[in-house]
Protein backbone atom coordinates (compact mmCIF):
# COMPACT_ATOMS: atom_id res chain seq x y z
CA MET A 1 0.38 -10.69 22.31
CA ASN A 2 -2.72 -12.71 21.52
CA LYS A 3 -5.31 -12.30 18.78
CA LYS A 4 -7.90 -10.76 21.07
CA THR A 5 -5.52 -8.00 22.22
CA LEU A 6 -4.43 -7.20 18.68
CA LEU A 7 -8.04 -6.94 17.50
CA ILE A 8 -8.79 -4.56 20.39
CA ILE A 9 -5.77 -2.46 19.37
CA PHE A 10 -7.08 -2.35 15.78
CA GLY A 11 -10.49 -1.25 17.05
CA ILE A 12 -9.05 1.51 19.22
CA PHE A 13 -6.78 2.67 16.37
CA LEU A 14 -9.71 2.90 13.95
CA ILE A 15 -11.94 4.66 16.49
CA LEU A 16 -9.22 7.24 17.21
CA LYS A 17 -8.63 7.75 13.50
CA GLY A 18 -12.38 8.23 12.98
CA ILE A 19 -12.66 10.74 15.84
CA ILE A 20 -9.67 12.71 14.57
CA SER A 21 -11.12 12.63 11.06
CA LEU A 22 -14.54 13.88 12.21
CA THR A 23 -13.27 16.57 14.57
CA GLY A 24 -10.41 17.76 12.38
CA ALA A 25 -8.14 17.78 15.42
CA GLY A 26 -4.88 19.37 14.45
CA SER A 27 -5.50 18.86 10.70
CA LEU A 28 -3.79 15.48 11.01
CA ILE A 29 -6.35 13.65 8.89
CA SER A 30 -8.70 15.20 6.37
CA GLN A 31 -11.37 12.77 5.19
CA SER A 32 -15.08 12.85 4.44
CA THR A 33 -17.66 12.61 7.20
CA ALA A 34 -18.89 9.29 5.82
CA ASN A 35 -15.37 7.88 5.97
CA GLY A 36 -15.01 9.08 9.58
CA PHE A 37 -18.24 7.36 10.60
CA ALA A 38 -17.19 4.20 8.73
CA LEU A 39 -13.94 4.15 10.73
CA LEU A 40 -15.87 4.51 13.99
CA LEU A 41 -18.17 1.65 12.95
CA LEU A 42 -15.25 -0.58 11.93
CA GLY A 43 -13.40 0.13 15.16
CA GLY A 44 -16.43 -0.59 17.32
CA THR A 45 -17.13 -3.77 15.38
CA GLY A 46 -13.53 -4.89 15.88
CA ILE A 47 -13.79 -4.45 19.64
CA TYR A 48 -17.14 -6.26 19.65
CA ILE A 49 -15.74 -9.17 17.62
CA SER A 50 -12.75 -9.43 19.97
CA GLN A 51 -15.15 -10.48 22.74
CA ARG A 52 -16.42 -13.44 20.70
CA ARG A 53 -15.22 -17.02 20.47
CA GLU A 54 -11.62 -17.73 19.59
CA ASN A 55 -12.38 -19.26 16.16
CA VAL A 56 -13.50 -15.96 14.58
CA LEU A 57 -10.56 -13.90 15.78
CA GLY A 58 -8.07 -15.18 13.20
CA ARG A 59 -10.35 -14.51 10.25
CA SER A 60 -11.24 -11.10 11.64
CA LEU A 61 -7.57 -10.17 12.02
CA VAL A 62 -6.88 -11.15 8.42
CA ILE A 63 -9.83 -9.04 7.20
CA TYR A 64 -8.88 -6.04 9.34
CA GLY A 65 -5.23 -6.46 8.34
CA ALA A 66 -6.12 -6.44 4.65
CA PHE A 67 -8.28 -3.35 5.20
CA LEU A 68 -5.47 -1.51 6.97
CA ILE A 69 -2.95 -2.41 4.25
CA TRP A 70 -5.38 -1.20 1.57
CA SER A 71 -6.07 1.97 3.53
CA GLY A 72 -2.36 2.69 3.97
CA ILE A 73 -1.48 2.03 0.34
CA SER A 74 -4.43 4.05 -0.97
CA ALA A 75 -3.36 7.00 1.21
CA LEU A 76 0.04 6.93 -0.50
CA ILE A 77 -1.41 6.92 -4.04
CA PRO A 78 -3.03 10.33 -4.72
CA THR A 79 -5.57 9.01 -7.26
CA LEU A 80 -6.90 6.46 -4.73
CA ALA A 81 -6.82 8.64 -1.61
CA PHE A 82 -10.13 9.54 0.06
CA GLY A 83 -8.54 12.53 1.76
CA TYR A 84 -5.28 13.64 3.34
CA GLU A 85 -3.26 11.43 5.63
CA PRO A 86 0.43 11.81 6.53
CA VAL A 87 2.88 9.29 5.12
CA TRP A 88 3.92 8.09 8.59
CA LEU A 89 0.30 7.26 9.45
CA ALA A 90 -0.09 5.32 6.20
CA ALA A 91 3.11 3.42 7.08
CA VAL A 92 1.71 2.62 10.55
CA GLU A 93 -1.46 1.28 8.93
CA ILE A 94 0.52 -0.94 6.57
CA VAL A 95 2.66 -2.33 9.41
CA LEU A 96 -0.41 -2.95 11.58
CA GLY A 97 -2.12 -4.66 8.65
CA ILE A 98 0.83 -6.95 8.05
CA ALA A 99 0.95 -7.81 11.76
CA GLY A 100 -2.79 -8.54 11.69
CA ILE A 101 -2.47 -10.94 8.79
CA ILE A 102 0.52 -12.69 10.36
CA PHE A 103 -1.24 -13.09 13.71
CA GLY A 104 -4.49 -14.01 11.99
CA VAL A 105 -3.08 -16.99 10.11
CA LYS A 106 -0.78 -18.11 12.95
CA PRO A 107 -2.37 -20.77 15.17
CA GLN A 108 -3.20 -19.64 18.70
CA PRO A 109 -1.06 -21.50 21.26
CA ALA A 110 -2.94 -23.77 23.63
CA ALA A 111 -3.46 -22.27 27.06
C-alpha cells in the first residue's frame, strides 16, 4: 500500500464517519453537527491532498494519523469525548492513526 492510497482511505473513513454522525444512521455515532461537518471537511481535504505531489503525502499522513489517534483516545475518555462512539470504532481509529504515522515517516520506495 502506498501513501496516496492510505490517505484516500483516511479521507473516505472520515467522510463516512461524518455522514453517519450527521444522519444518525443506526445510532452508531452521536456527535454534534459541527463535528460532523468538520469530519466531512477533513475527509474531503485528505482526498484532495492525496492528489498532490508526493512530498506532502508523508506529512499529511502523520497529521491525519495523529488526529485519528487523538480522536480514538478522546472517545475512550468520557471527560474528553465530544459525543458517543463505540469502543471498537475508537480502536479502529487508533490503529489507522498508528498506521498513518508509520507510513508517513517511512520513505516511499522508488518506482
